[in-house]
Structures are given as C-alpha cells and as structure tokens.
Protein backbone atom coordinates (compact mmCIF):
# COMPACT_ATOMS: atom_id res chain seq x y z
CA MET A 1 5.01 169.38 83.99
CA SER A 2 1.49 169.95 82.75
CA TYR A 3 -0.96 167.19 81.90
CA HIS A 4 -3.88 169.16 80.47
CA LYS A 5 -2.88 170.99 77.34
CA GLU A 6 -5.21 171.93 74.57
CA ASN A 7 -4.48 170.08 71.32
CA LEU A 8 -1.65 168.15 72.99
CA LYS A 9 -1.70 165.37 70.42
CA GLU A 10 -1.18 167.84 67.58
CA GLN A 11 1.53 169.61 69.56
CA LEU A 12 3.33 166.29 70.13
CA VAL A 13 3.09 165.47 66.43
CA GLU A 14 4.38 168.92 65.47
CA ILE A 15 7.39 168.58 67.81
CA ALA A 16 8.17 165.08 66.51
CA TRP A 17 7.73 166.34 62.92
CA ASP A 18 10.23 169.15 63.49
CA ILE A 19 12.77 166.77 65.03
CA CYS A 20 12.32 164.29 62.20
CA LYS A 21 12.46 167.00 59.53
CA THR A 22 15.70 168.52 60.80
CA GLU A 23 17.50 165.52 62.32
CA SER A 24 15.82 162.20 61.36
CA TRP A 25 13.30 159.74 62.70
CA LYS A 26 16.06 158.05 64.69
CA LYS A 27 16.40 161.21 66.80
CA VAL A 28 12.71 161.21 67.76
CA ASN A 29 12.00 159.67 71.15
CA MET A 30 9.00 159.98 73.43
CA ARG A 31 10.91 161.48 76.33
CA LYS A 32 12.41 164.24 74.15
CA VAL A 33 9.05 165.02 72.52
CA ALA A 34 7.29 165.11 75.91
CA GLN A 35 9.98 167.36 77.40
CA ASN A 36 9.71 169.78 74.48
CA ALA A 37 5.93 169.85 74.99
CA GLU A 38 6.47 170.37 78.73
CA VAL A 39 4.42 167.32 79.66
CA SER A 40 5.26 163.98 81.20
CA THR A 41 5.95 160.87 79.18
CA THR A 42 2.73 159.49 80.68
CA ALA A 43 0.81 162.32 79.01
CA PHE A 44 2.45 161.36 75.72
CA TYR A 45 1.18 157.80 76.07
CA ARG A 46 -2.37 159.04 76.55
CA HIS A 47 -2.27 160.00 72.87
CA PHE A 48 -0.03 157.31 71.36
CA LYS A 49 0.11 153.64 72.35
CA ASN A 50 3.72 153.36 71.26
CA LYS A 51 6.38 154.87 69.04
CA ASP A 52 4.99 153.04 66.00
CA ASP A 53 1.73 155.00 66.37
CA LEU A 54 3.70 158.24 66.35
CA LYS A 55 5.70 157.05 63.35
CA ALA A 56 2.48 156.22 61.50
CA GLU A 57 1.12 159.68 62.30
CA LEU A 58 4.25 161.35 60.92
CA MET A 59 4.17 159.15 57.81
CA ARG A 60 0.48 159.97 57.31
CA ARG A 61 1.24 163.66 57.58
CA GLY A 62 4.12 163.29 55.13
CA PHE A 63 1.95 161.49 52.57
CA LYS A 64 -0.80 164.08 52.87
CA SER A 65 1.73 166.82 52.20
CA PHE A 66 3.38 164.76 49.47
CA ASN A 67 0.07 163.97 47.74
CA LYS A 68 -1.19 167.56 48.08
CA SER A 69 1.98 169.00 46.53
CA ARG A 70 1.30 167.15 43.29
CA LYS A 71 -2.37 168.06 42.85
CA ASP A 72 -1.68 170.98 40.54
CA THR A 73 0.74 169.18 38.23
CA ASP A 74 -0.37 168.79 34.66
CA THR A 75 2.37 166.68 33.08
CA PHE A 76 4.37 163.61 34.06
CA ALA A 77 7.47 165.78 34.13
CA SER A 78 5.97 168.24 36.62
CA TRP A 79 4.55 165.32 38.67
CA GLY A 80 7.99 163.68 38.85
CA ALA A 81 9.71 166.99 39.57
CA GLN A 82 7.37 167.64 42.50
CA ILE A 83 8.22 164.25 44.00
CA ILE A 84 11.94 164.82 43.51
CA ARG A 85 11.78 168.27 45.07
CA PHE A 86 9.90 166.84 48.06
CA GLY A 87 12.62 164.20 48.49
CA LEU A 88 15.38 166.78 48.22
CA ASN A 89 13.72 169.42 50.42
CA PHE A 90 12.52 167.02 53.14
CA PRO A 91 15.05 164.17 53.06
CA HIS A 92 14.36 162.83 56.55
CA ILE A 93 10.58 162.90 56.09
CA TYR A 94 10.99 161.26 52.68
CA ASP A 95 13.18 158.55 54.26
CA LEU A 96 10.59 157.95 56.96
CA MET A 97 7.84 157.60 54.36
CA PHE A 98 9.64 155.43 51.82
CA GLY A 99 12.39 153.83 53.86
CA ASN A 100 10.06 152.16 56.34
CA ILE A 101 7.58 150.45 54.10
CA ALA A 102 8.13 147.16 55.94
CA LYS A 103 5.75 148.60 58.55
CA ASP A 104 2.58 146.52 58.92
CA MET A 105 0.23 148.82 57.03
CA SER A 106 -2.77 146.67 57.98
CA LEU A 107 -2.53 148.26 61.45
CA TYR A 108 -2.94 151.70 59.88
CA PRO A 109 -5.45 151.44 56.99
CA ASP A 110 -5.67 155.21 56.48
CA LEU A 111 -1.87 155.38 56.18
CA LYS A 112 -1.95 152.56 53.63
CA ALA A 113 -4.61 154.50 51.71
CA GLU A 114 -2.38 157.60 51.64
CA TYR A 115 0.59 155.54 50.47
CA ASP A 116 -1.48 153.77 47.79
CA ALA A 117 -2.91 157.12 46.63
CA ALA A 118 0.58 158.30 45.69
CA PHE A 119 1.06 155.40 43.28
CA ASP A 120 -2.59 155.15 42.17
CA GLU A 121 -2.52 158.75 40.98
CA LEU A 122 0.25 157.79 38.58
CA LEU A 123 -1.73 154.77 37.34
CA VAL A 124 -4.81 156.91 36.63
CA ALA A 125 -2.74 159.48 34.74
CA LEU A 126 -1.07 156.76 32.69
CA LYS A 127 -4.43 155.22 31.78
CA ASP A 128 -5.44 158.59 30.35
CA PHE A 129 -2.09 158.99 28.61
CA MET A 130 -2.12 155.41 27.23
CA PRO A 131 -5.85 154.80 26.60
CA ASN A 132 -5.33 151.75 24.36
CA ALA A 133 -2.73 150.03 26.53
CA ILE A 134 -3.51 146.91 28.50
CA GLU A 135 -3.52 147.03 32.31
CA ARG A 136 -0.25 145.08 32.60
CA ASP A 137 1.63 147.51 30.33
CA ILE A 138 0.30 150.50 32.29
CA LYS A 139 1.45 148.97 35.57
CA ILE A 140 4.89 148.18 34.15
CA LYS A 141 5.24 151.77 32.88
CA ALA A 142 4.07 153.10 36.26
CA ILE A 143 6.62 150.98 38.12
CA ASN A 144 9.34 152.23 35.77
CA ILE A 145 8.38 155.86 36.30
CA TRP A 146 8.08 155.37 40.07
CA ALA A 147 11.49 153.68 40.24
CA SER A 148 13.10 156.33 38.03
CA VAL A 149 11.83 159.22 40.13
CA HIS A 150 12.71 157.63 43.48
CA GLY A 151 16.06 156.45 42.13
CA LEU A 152 16.88 159.96 40.97
CA ILE A 153 16.14 161.29 44.46
CA GLY A 154 18.61 158.81 45.91
CA PHE A 155 21.16 159.63 43.23
CA LEU A 156 20.92 163.39 43.75
CA ARG A 157 21.05 163.00 47.54
CA ARG A 158 23.95 160.54 47.51
CA VAL A 159 26.48 163.20 46.63
CA ASP A 160 27.88 164.55 49.91
CA SER A 161 28.69 168.09 48.93
CA PRO A 162 27.00 170.40 46.43
CA ASN A 163 30.48 171.35 45.20
CA SER A 164 31.28 167.73 44.31
CA LYS A 165 28.32 167.39 41.95
CA SER A 166 29.13 167.20 38.30
CA GLU A 167 27.83 169.83 35.91
CA GLU A 168 25.36 167.26 34.58
CA LEU A 169 23.92 166.60 38.05
CA LYS A 170 23.67 170.31 38.77
CA TRP A 171 21.87 170.80 35.48
CA ILE A 172 19.47 167.90 36.22
CA GLU A 173 18.64 169.24 39.68
CA ASN A 174 18.03 172.75 38.32
CA ASN A 175 16.06 171.55 35.27
CA LEU A 176 14.04 168.61 36.56
CA GLU A 177 11.07 169.01 34.23
CA GLU A 178 13.26 169.26 31.15
CA TYR A 179 15.40 166.31 32.24
CA LEU A 180 12.32 164.18 32.91
CA LYS A 181 10.83 165.09 29.54
CA MET A 182 14.11 163.99 27.92
CA THR A 183 13.99 160.61 29.64
CA THR A 184 10.94 158.85 31.01
CA PHE A 185 8.12 161.38 30.64
CA ARG A 186 7.37 161.93 26.99
C-alpha cells in the first residue's frame, strides 16, 4: 500500500462519494475507501480525523452541487423542479444531506453556511416576489415551499417500482415545472 499519493484527500472523497452515490452513506467505511485508494487506513486518517469529517466533506460537496444546480433558475417552479430532480437523481446523496441534519453543524461552519444558503436563496427570491410582505409571512411561505418540495421528493421516491406509479405521479414527475406552477409556485 502506498502512503504518498498526490491529491489523496480528494481521491478519498471521490471514492466515498461514488460509494455513497450508488449504495448509500451506510456503505461507506474508512477501510473500504482506503483499500479502493490503495492506501492504508492510517493514510486515510492523515486527512480525516474521523468518519464524521468525511461525512461533512461529502455533505459539503453535495450542497455545493445542489446550490450550483439552481443558479440558473428564473422561477419558483424551475427552482423547485431542480431540487426535486436532484433528490430523484441522487437519492443517497440527498438523504445524506437532508437526512442527517442532527449533525452538530457548529463543528463545520462552512457546511452550515452551504446548508443555510440553500434556504436563504429561497427567502431572498420570496422577498423580491412579495415586496410588501412582512418578514414573518415571507418565512412562513418559504417554509411551506421548502416542505412541499422536499415532501414531493419523498413522495415520488416512496413508490418502489416505476410501473406501480399512478398516471398522476408519472405526469407530475415528467412535468415538474407545470405541476409546481399549479400548486405552490404562482
């Protein structure tokens, strides 16, 4: 096993990312990641103090990708559709990002900033959309939109087989922007 690899930290993150993306965070372990990188577990721990540090790195990477994917959206419907597509296309990464929020974010301030940016972007857009609304009403609307979008991801993913989805669910998944315009995003 080699100890001196160029960009080893990034290589370890990439291997863990691929495992998480295809299998789930639960399948990521330091020994497996180190073996795939052809280094010792000791070499792994030179870059990460513990598994939580690796988890934070993967979450950070997920939020950067998540936040970047929405930069070019121009309506609430396209914003919501981008989030839903991310959740459907990268279910294990999405689960890592939003299913583990109990993590002590104070240990990872840059991760907290990435997480907050996802919601804050919605608040800013709503302030522009509702210029005369009071702060409380904007926050309530933002929470409703956030919950609707994330709930729809869970609803669309809950169905085990694509063949068991109703015609309505198939239509929603194939017409996200239109569906969102019909509901929350006027």
